[in-house]
Amino acid sequence: MKPQKTRDALGLTLPEWERALAAMNEPAYRARQVYHWLHGRHAMSFAEMTNLPQGLRGKLFERFRLPTAELVDAAKSADGSIKYLFTAPDGSPFEAVRLRSRGRDSICASTQSGCSFHCRFCATGAMGFGRDLSSSEILHQIYFIAQRHKLASFRVLLMGMGEPLVNLGEVAAAVRQLQHPDGMAFSPRRITVSSIGLRGKIRSLAQALPGVGFALSLHFTDDETRRKHMPATRGFPLAEVLEELALSEGLGKVTLEYVLLAGVNDTPEDTAALASIAYGVYPRERKRLPPSRVRQRFHGRTAYHVNLIEYNPVAGAPFAPSREEDALALQGYLKAAGVNATLRRSRGADVAAACGMLAAGRRTSFGKKQRR
């Protein structure tokens, strides 16, 4: 009777491969060979592992399963971004995006199928929650795109579908595989994890994955408005999130993500409040101070970097992008206040691959089907 294919090859750590191959009476060095094929060379089949004996490749095929997510669609944007839609054997859809900007590549991967947080400006939340993705499903997105485009150097952004810190165990397992010296030997500085800021989870991320970058999905500068448009933040006041950020030793670069919504979060009061939050202080009073006063008030403190993100309209959502002049004014104020701020232009919007648009080509509760 043939062994069942019950073990997930991409999810196994090197010590687990060493034990598995020892049980098959294979020499110890074979484990590193297999591991490197999977995580260093992104083999999609055991047949590709040509430095292994044919008999061993046959045993691996019989005993272990490789990712079987089906590539359903690939949509290329006019700006060069490419969105990939995968479907797992159980029907769960998830998407990943290859982004290219100024000659540099990034892969934006999903950590969940859908999302349960229902942010009002995001198509992923509107499609609802399916399930957490496994570490191998997370890695498969990255390895598939890296292999298809022969990418030797790229950044990994765990900013696709889902809330990564809800699925921290699988996210951490995937990142450790990326960092392993017998795999891709990824520097933690080239990996960023995003989150709305879950109490206790930021510190857990810092402990589990020291040096990995963290992007706080901020988007609003007061708790009331944030709760209105990001209902899952009800239990996580910004003051407490900022306090935890400050206490989370070991985090890599921290950025604040701020999607610009016309008339909603780009007012003069929001601008001043955002500067204060960038310095790690929740503003109790909403006053429009001259930027020089803000810089003086926080003299000696280092501000978080702020990414000002162009809003990508989602069908039926009651928002519009900020005007160009308002976005530039906000950026100028932050810089004058001593805060590094970057305007992030939309990429992949024409194929629904941009920030907040991943919805697996499904209909959302906003109404119309999202473009693929």
Protein backbone atom coordinates (compact mmCIF):
# COMPACT_ATOMS: atom_id res chain seq x y z
CA MET A 1 0.00 0.00 0.00
CA LYS A 2 1.42 3.37 -1.04
CA PRO A 3 1.96 6.04 1.61
CA GLN A 4 -0.63 8.79 1.72
CA LYS A 5 0.41 12.26 0.50
CA THR A 6 -0.39 13.86 3.81
CA ARG A 7 2.61 16.11 4.41
CA ASP A 8 2.79 19.64 3.08
CA ALA A 9 6.26 19.88 1.50
CA LEU A 10 6.47 23.67 1.42
CA GLY A 11 5.36 23.96 5.05
CA LEU A 12 8.08 21.68 6.45
CA THR A 13 11.06 23.24 8.20
CA LEU A 14 14.60 22.00 7.56
CA PRO A 15 14.70 19.96 10.82
CA GLU A 16 11.40 18.36 9.80
CA TRP A 17 12.89 17.46 6.42
CA GLU A 18 15.93 16.00 8.16
CA ARG A 19 13.73 13.74 10.28
CA ALA A 20 11.54 12.76 7.34
CA LEU A 21 14.45 11.80 5.09
CA ALA A 22 16.24 9.99 7.91
CA ALA A 23 13.08 7.87 8.30
CA MET A 24 13.42 7.06 4.58
CA ASN A 25 17.05 5.96 5.15
CA GLU A 26 18.41 8.83 3.07
CA PRO A 27 21.73 10.53 3.88
CA ALA A 28 21.48 13.69 5.98
CA TYR A 29 22.64 16.07 3.22
CA ARG A 30 19.59 15.23 1.10
CA ALA A 31 17.40 17.29 3.44
CA ARG A 32 19.26 20.49 2.59
CA GLN A 33 19.08 19.68 -1.11
CA VAL A 34 15.31 19.25 -0.98
CA TYR A 35 14.86 22.33 1.17
CA HIS A 36 16.95 24.46 -1.19
CA TRP A 37 15.00 23.25 -4.21
CA LEU A 38 11.75 24.27 -2.54
CA HIS A 39 12.75 27.56 -0.91
CA GLY A 40 15.82 28.67 -2.81
CA ARG A 41 15.00 27.61 -6.36
CA HIS A 42 11.19 27.57 -6.08
CA ALA A 43 10.69 24.12 -7.60
CA MET A 44 7.05 23.49 -8.43
CA SER A 45 7.51 19.69 -8.81
CA PHE A 46 9.80 17.02 -7.45
CA ALA A 47 10.76 16.11 -11.03
CA GLU A 48 12.64 19.43 -11.22
CA MET A 49 15.03 18.33 -8.44
CA THR A 50 17.55 16.91 -10.88
CA ASN A 51 20.43 16.43 -8.42
CA LEU A 52 18.32 13.95 -6.45
CA PRO A 53 18.26 10.23 -7.43
CA GLN A 54 15.21 9.31 -9.47
CA GLY A 55 14.16 6.83 -6.82
CA LEU A 56 14.13 9.50 -4.13
CA ARG A 57 12.14 11.86 -6.34
CA GLY A 58 9.58 9.09 -6.73
CA LYS A 59 9.37 8.58 -2.96
CA LEU A 60 8.91 12.32 -2.40
CA PHE A 61 6.14 12.40 -5.00
CA GLU A 62 4.36 9.55 -3.22
CA ARG A 63 4.68 10.93 0.31
CA PHE A 64 4.53 14.73 0.07
CA ARG A 65 2.25 17.22 -1.57
CA LEU A 66 3.26 20.48 -3.18
CA PRO A 67 0.97 23.54 -3.34
CA THR A 68 -1.96 22.80 -5.62
CA ALA A 69 -3.58 26.23 -5.81
CA GLU A 70 -4.82 26.82 -9.35
CA LEU A 71 -3.85 29.97 -11.20
CA VAL A 72 -7.25 31.25 -12.35
CA ASP A 73 -6.33 34.61 -13.83
CA ALA A 74 -3.43 36.95 -14.47
CA ALA A 75 -4.24 40.58 -15.30
CA LYS A 76 -1.57 43.03 -16.42
CA SER A 77 -1.92 46.74 -15.71
CA ALA A 78 -0.83 49.48 -18.08
CA ASP A 79 1.81 50.44 -15.48
CA GLY A 80 3.34 46.95 -15.52
CA SER A 81 1.78 45.60 -12.32
CA ILE A 82 0.40 42.08 -12.64
CA LYS A 83 -2.33 40.62 -10.45
CA TYR A 84 -2.59 36.85 -9.99
CA LEU A 85 -5.77 35.16 -8.80
CA PHE A 86 -5.35 31.71 -7.24
CA THR A 87 -7.95 29.24 -6.05
CA ALA A 88 -7.15 26.60 -3.43
CA PRO A 89 -8.52 23.03 -3.80
CA ASP A 90 -11.32 23.92 -1.35
CA GLY A 91 -12.37 26.84 -3.56
CA SER A 92 -10.86 29.59 -1.41
CA PRO A 93 -9.64 32.45 -3.63
CA PHE A 94 -6.64 34.66 -2.88
CA GLU A 95 -4.66 37.19 -4.87
CA ALA A 96 -1.07 38.40 -5.14
CA VAL A 97 0.47 41.26 -7.11
CA ARG A 98 3.84 41.82 -8.73
CA LEU A 99 4.63 45.53 -8.45
CA ARG A 100 7.44 47.25 -10.31
CA SER A 101 8.50 50.82 -9.59
CA ARG A 102 11.70 52.63 -10.58
CA GLY A 103 13.32 49.37 -11.57
CA ARG A 104 12.58 47.66 -8.25
CA ASP A 105 10.26 44.71 -7.73
CA SER A 106 7.88 43.95 -4.88
CA ILE A 107 5.50 41.06 -4.35
CA CYS A 108 2.33 41.86 -2.42
CA ALA A 109 0.92 38.63 -0.98
CA SER A 110 -2.28 37.72 0.85
CA THR A 111 -2.43 36.09 4.27
CA GLN A 112 -6.15 35.30 4.30
CA SER A 113 -8.83 34.51 1.75
CA GLY A 114 -10.98 37.60 2.12
CA CYS A 115 -11.11 39.66 5.31
CA SER A 116 -13.47 39.88 8.27
CA PHE A 117 -12.73 43.51 9.18
CA HIS A 118 -15.06 45.29 6.71
CA CYS A 119 -13.20 48.57 6.31
CA ARG A 120 -15.63 50.75 4.36
CA PHE A 121 -13.09 51.91 1.77
CA CYS A 122 -11.69 48.42 1.00
CA ALA A 123 -13.04 45.90 -1.50
CA THR A 124 -11.45 42.94 0.30
CA GLY A 125 -13.41 43.57 3.48
CA ALA A 126 -16.59 43.85 1.46
CA MET A 127 -16.13 40.38 -0.06
CA GLY A 128 -16.20 38.81 3.42
CA PHE A 129 -13.94 36.32 5.15
CA GLY A 130 -13.14 32.84 3.87
CA ARG A 131 -10.29 31.42 5.94
CA ASP A 132 -6.69 31.89 7.01
CA LEU A 133 -4.05 30.86 4.49
CA SER A 134 -1.39 28.34 5.46
CA SER A 135 2.29 29.25 5.44
CA SER A 136 2.75 27.21 2.27
CA GLU A 137 -0.11 29.07 0.54
CA ILE A 138 1.50 32.38 1.50
CA LEU A 139 4.88 31.20 0.22
CA HIS A 140 3.40 29.74 -2.96
CA GLN A 141 2.24 33.20 -4.06
CA ILE A 142 5.71 34.63 -3.56
CA TYR A 143 7.63 31.74 -5.12
CA PHE A 144 5.26 31.46 -8.09
CA ILE A 145 5.69 35.12 -9.01
CA ALA A 146 9.45 35.09 -8.33
CA GLN A 147 9.92 32.05 -10.55
CA ARG A 148 7.63 33.27 -13.34
CA HIS A 149 9.45 36.61 -13.60
CA LYS A 150 12.91 35.26 -12.70
CA LEU A 151 13.21 37.77 -9.87
CA ALA A 152 16.57 37.70 -8.13
CA SER A 153 15.87 40.60 -5.76
CA PHE A 154 12.54 41.90 -4.51
CA ARG A 155 10.64 43.06 -1.46
CA VAL A 156 7.83 41.09 0.17
CA LEU A 157 4.76 43.04 1.27
CA LEU A 158 2.28 41.06 3.37
CA MET A 159 -0.39 43.62 2.56
CA GLY A 160 -2.74 41.72 0.28
CA MET A 161 -6.03 40.17 1.38
CA GLY A 162 -6.61 39.80 5.09
CA GLU A 163 -5.23 40.93 8.44
CA PRO A 164 -1.81 39.29 8.90
CA LEU A 165 -1.73 39.57 12.69
CA VAL A 166 -4.90 37.50 13.01
CA ASN A 167 -2.98 34.73 11.22
CA LEU A 168 0.37 35.47 12.87
CA GLY A 169 1.38 31.83 13.39
CA GLU A 170 1.25 31.00 9.68
CA VAL A 171 2.67 34.40 8.70
CA ALA A 172 5.64 33.91 11.04
CA ALA A 173 6.23 30.39 9.72
CA ALA A 174 6.27 31.69 6.13
CA VAL A 175 8.63 34.56 6.93
CA ARG A 176 11.07 32.25 8.74
CA GLN A 177 11.22 30.05 5.65
CA LEU A 178 11.96 33.14 3.54
CA GLN A 179 14.78 34.10 5.90
CA HIS A 180 16.39 30.67 6.13
CA PRO A 181 19.99 30.61 4.80
CA ASP A 182 19.28 27.41 2.84
CA GLY A 183 16.30 29.10 1.20
CA MET A 184 16.26 32.68 -0.02
CA ALA A 185 18.18 34.09 2.96
CA PHE A 186 15.84 37.08 2.96
CA SER A 187 16.84 40.06 5.07
CA PRO A 188 14.04 41.09 7.47
CA ARG A 189 14.47 44.64 6.15
CA ARG A 190 13.01 43.48 2.83
CA ILE A 191 9.79 42.21 4.41
CA THR A 192 6.89 44.36 5.63
CA VAL A 193 3.77 43.21 7.50
CA SER A 194 0.72 45.47 7.65
CA SER A 195 -2.03 45.61 10.26
CA ILE A 196 -4.80 47.84 11.56
CA GLY A 197 -3.05 47.53 14.94
CA LEU A 198 -4.40 44.73 17.14
CA ARG A 199 -3.78 45.03 20.87
CA GLY A 200 -1.00 42.68 21.96
CA LYS A 201 -0.29 41.48 18.44
CA ILE A 202 2.23 44.19 17.49
CA ARG A 203 4.46 43.15 20.37
CA SER A 204 3.97 39.51 19.41
CA LEU A 205 5.08 40.33 15.86
CA ALA A 206 8.22 42.06 17.15
CA GLN A 207 9.07 39.04 19.30
CA ALA A 208 8.31 36.46 16.60
CA LEU A 209 9.97 38.26 13.68
CA PRO A 210 12.56 40.77 14.89
CA GLY A 211 13.68 43.27 12.29
CA VAL A 212 10.69 42.82 9.99
CA GLY A 213 9.07 46.07 8.92
CA PHE A 214 5.63 47.04 10.23
CA ALA A 215 3.06 49.17 8.42
CA LEU A 216 0.23 50.47 10.58
CA SER A 217 -2.96 50.91 8.56
CA LEU A 218 -3.83 54.20 10.24
CA HIS A 219 -6.00 56.09 7.71
CA PHE A 220 -7.80 58.29 10.27
CA THR A 221 -6.51 60.54 13.03
CA ASP A 222 -9.30 60.26 15.63
CA ASP A 223 -10.87 57.19 17.16
CA GLU A 224 -14.46 58.10 16.36
CA THR A 225 -13.89 58.45 12.62
CA ARG A 226 -11.59 55.44 12.58
CA ARG A 227 -14.20 53.27 14.26
CA LYS A 228 -16.86 54.49 11.83
CA HIS A 229 -14.92 53.50 8.72
CA MET A 230 -12.82 50.69 10.24
CA PRO A 231 -15.28 49.02 12.66
CA ALA A 232 -12.78 46.34 13.72
CA THR A 233 -10.72 49.04 15.49
CA ARG A 234 -13.39 49.57 18.18
CA GLY A 235 -11.35 47.73 20.79
CA PHE A 236 -8.05 49.33 19.83
CA PRO A 237 -7.85 53.06 20.67
CA LEU A 238 -5.10 54.83 18.80
CA ALA A 239 -3.41 56.01 22.00
CA GLU A 240 -3.01 52.37 23.09
CA VAL A 241 -1.83 51.29 19.64
CA LEU A 242 0.83 54.02 19.65
CA GLU A 243 1.91 53.05 23.15
CA GLU A 244 2.31 49.42 22.11
CA LEU A 245 4.25 50.47 19.03
CA ALA A 246 6.68 52.40 21.20
CA LEU A 247 7.12 49.42 23.54
CA SER A 248 7.52 46.79 20.79
CA GLU A 249 11.29 46.49 20.78
CA GLY A 250 12.65 44.58 17.83
CA LEU A 251 10.34 45.87 15.12
CA GLY A 252 12.02 46.93 11.90
CA LYS A 253 11.09 50.12 10.10
CA VAL A 254 7.64 51.39 11.10
CA THR A 255 5.48 53.26 8.59
CA LEU A 256 2.03 54.78 8.91
CA GLU A 257 -0.29 54.06 5.98
CA TYR A 258 -2.77 56.83 5.29
CA VAL A 259 -5.20 56.58 2.37
CA LEU A 260 -6.32 60.06 1.26
CA LEU A 261 -10.11 60.49 1.20
CA ALA A 262 -11.43 63.83 -0.01
CA GLY A 263 -13.10 65.82 2.76
CA VAL A 264 -12.92 62.89 5.18
CA ASN A 265 -9.34 62.71 6.43
CA ASP A 266 -7.47 65.43 4.53
CA THR A 267 -8.68 68.47 6.49
CA PRO A 268 -6.29 70.97 8.17
CA GLU A 269 -7.16 69.45 11.55
CA ASP A 270 -6.34 65.96 10.27
CA THR A 271 -3.03 67.20 8.91
CA ALA A 272 -1.88 68.55 12.28
CA ALA A 273 -3.17 65.45 14.09
CA LEU A 274 -1.35 63.19 11.66
CA ALA A 275 1.92 64.99 12.38
CA SER A 276 1.43 64.39 16.11
CA ILE A 277 0.63 60.70 15.56
CA ALA A 278 3.74 60.37 13.41
CA TYR A 279 5.71 61.43 16.51
CA GLY A 280 3.93 58.70 18.47
CA VAL A 281 1.50 60.97 20.36
CA TYR A 282 -2.27 60.76 20.06
CA PRO A 283 -3.60 64.34 19.88
CA ARG A 284 -6.13 65.13 22.61
CA GLU A 285 -6.91 68.47 21.01
CA ARG A 286 -7.45 68.95 17.30
CA LYS A 287 -5.76 72.25 16.56
CA ARG A 288 -4.13 73.42 13.37
CA LEU A 289 -0.68 74.42 14.59
CA PRO A 290 2.03 75.91 12.37
CA PRO A 291 4.40 73.10 11.35
CA SER A 292 7.29 74.89 13.04
CA ARG A 293 5.42 74.63 16.36
CA VAL A 294 4.90 70.90 15.82
CA ARG A 295 8.60 70.41 15.07
CA GLN A 296 9.51 72.42 18.16
CA ARG A 297 7.07 70.54 20.37
CA PHE A 298 8.55 67.17 19.43
CA HIS A 299 12.17 68.27 19.29
CA GLY A 300 14.44 65.32 19.89
CA ARG A 301 11.87 62.69 18.90
CA THR A 302 12.07 60.61 15.73
CA ALA A 303 8.90 60.49 13.68
CA TYR A 304 7.53 57.44 11.88
CA HIS A 305 7.57 57.61 8.10
CA VAL A 306 4.13 58.38 6.63
CA ASN A 307 2.93 56.91 3.33
CA LEU A 308 0.16 59.05 1.85
CA ILE A 309 -1.74 56.66 -0.40
CA GLU A 310 -3.81 57.65 -3.39
CA TYR A 311 -7.31 56.25 -2.90
CA ASN A 312 -8.49 53.74 -5.48
CA PRO A 313 -12.26 54.11 -5.80
CA VAL A 314 -14.24 50.97 -5.04
CA ALA A 315 -17.61 50.59 -6.73
CA GLY A 316 -20.39 51.79 -4.42
CA ALA A 317 -18.10 53.02 -1.64
CA PRO A 318 -18.92 56.62 -0.56
CA PHE A 319 -15.42 58.05 -0.98
CA ALA A 320 -13.36 59.95 -3.52
CA PRO A 321 -9.61 60.55 -3.79
CA SER A 322 -8.21 63.76 -2.34
CA ARG A 323 -7.44 66.52 -4.82
CA GLU A 324 -3.83 66.70 -5.96
CA GLU A 325 -3.33 70.12 -4.38
CA ASP A 326 -4.70 68.90 -1.05
CA ALA A 327 -2.45 65.84 -1.09
CA LEU A 328 0.61 67.96 -1.85
CA ALA A 329 -0.32 70.47 0.86
CA LEU A 330 -0.67 67.68 3.42
CA GLN A 331 2.69 66.25 2.42
CA GLY A 332 4.29 69.69 2.57
CA TYR A 333 2.96 70.33 6.08
CA LEU A 334 4.28 67.01 7.35
CA LYS A 335 7.73 67.63 5.91
CA ALA A 336 7.82 71.14 7.40
CA ALA A 337 6.90 69.57 10.74
CA GLY A 338 9.89 67.23 10.48
CA VAL A 339 7.97 64.13 9.33
CA ASN A 340 9.15 62.16 6.31
CA ALA A 341 6.13 61.68 4.06
CA THR A 342 5.84 59.99 0.68
CA LEU A 343 2.98 60.26 -1.80
CA ARG A 344 2.26 56.74 -3.01
CA ARG A 345 0.68 56.80 -6.45
CA SER A 346 -1.86 54.18 -7.40
CA ARG A 347 -0.42 51.18 -9.23
CA GLY A 348 -2.50 48.49 -10.90
CA ALA A 349 -5.84 50.24 -10.42
CA ASP A 350 -6.97 49.48 -13.99
CA VAL A 351 -6.96 45.75 -13.16
CA ALA A 352 -8.15 46.14 -9.54
CA ALA A 353 -4.65 45.27 -8.27
CA ALA A 354 -4.06 48.46 -6.29
CA CYS A 355 -4.27 49.08 -2.56
CA GLY A 356 -7.73 48.18 -1.19
CA MET A 357 -9.00 46.68 -4.46
CA LEU A 358 -8.25 42.95 -4.11
CA ALA A 359 -11.57 41.09 -4.11
CA ALA A 360 -10.91 37.97 -6.20
CA GLY A 361 -13.11 39.30 -9.01
CA ARG A 362 -16.19 38.85 -6.84
CA ARG A 363 -19.21 41.00 -6.19
CA THR A 364 -18.86 43.08 -3.05
CA SER A 365 -21.53 44.37 -0.69
CA PHE A 366 -20.93 47.79 -2.25
CA GLY A 367 -22.77 46.53 -5.31
CA LYS A 368 -20.93 45.97 -8.56
CA LYS A 369 -18.47 43.27 -9.43
CA GLN A 370 -14.85 44.32 -9.15
CA ARG A 371 -12.86 44.32 -12.35
CA ARG A 372 -10.20 41.67 -12.85
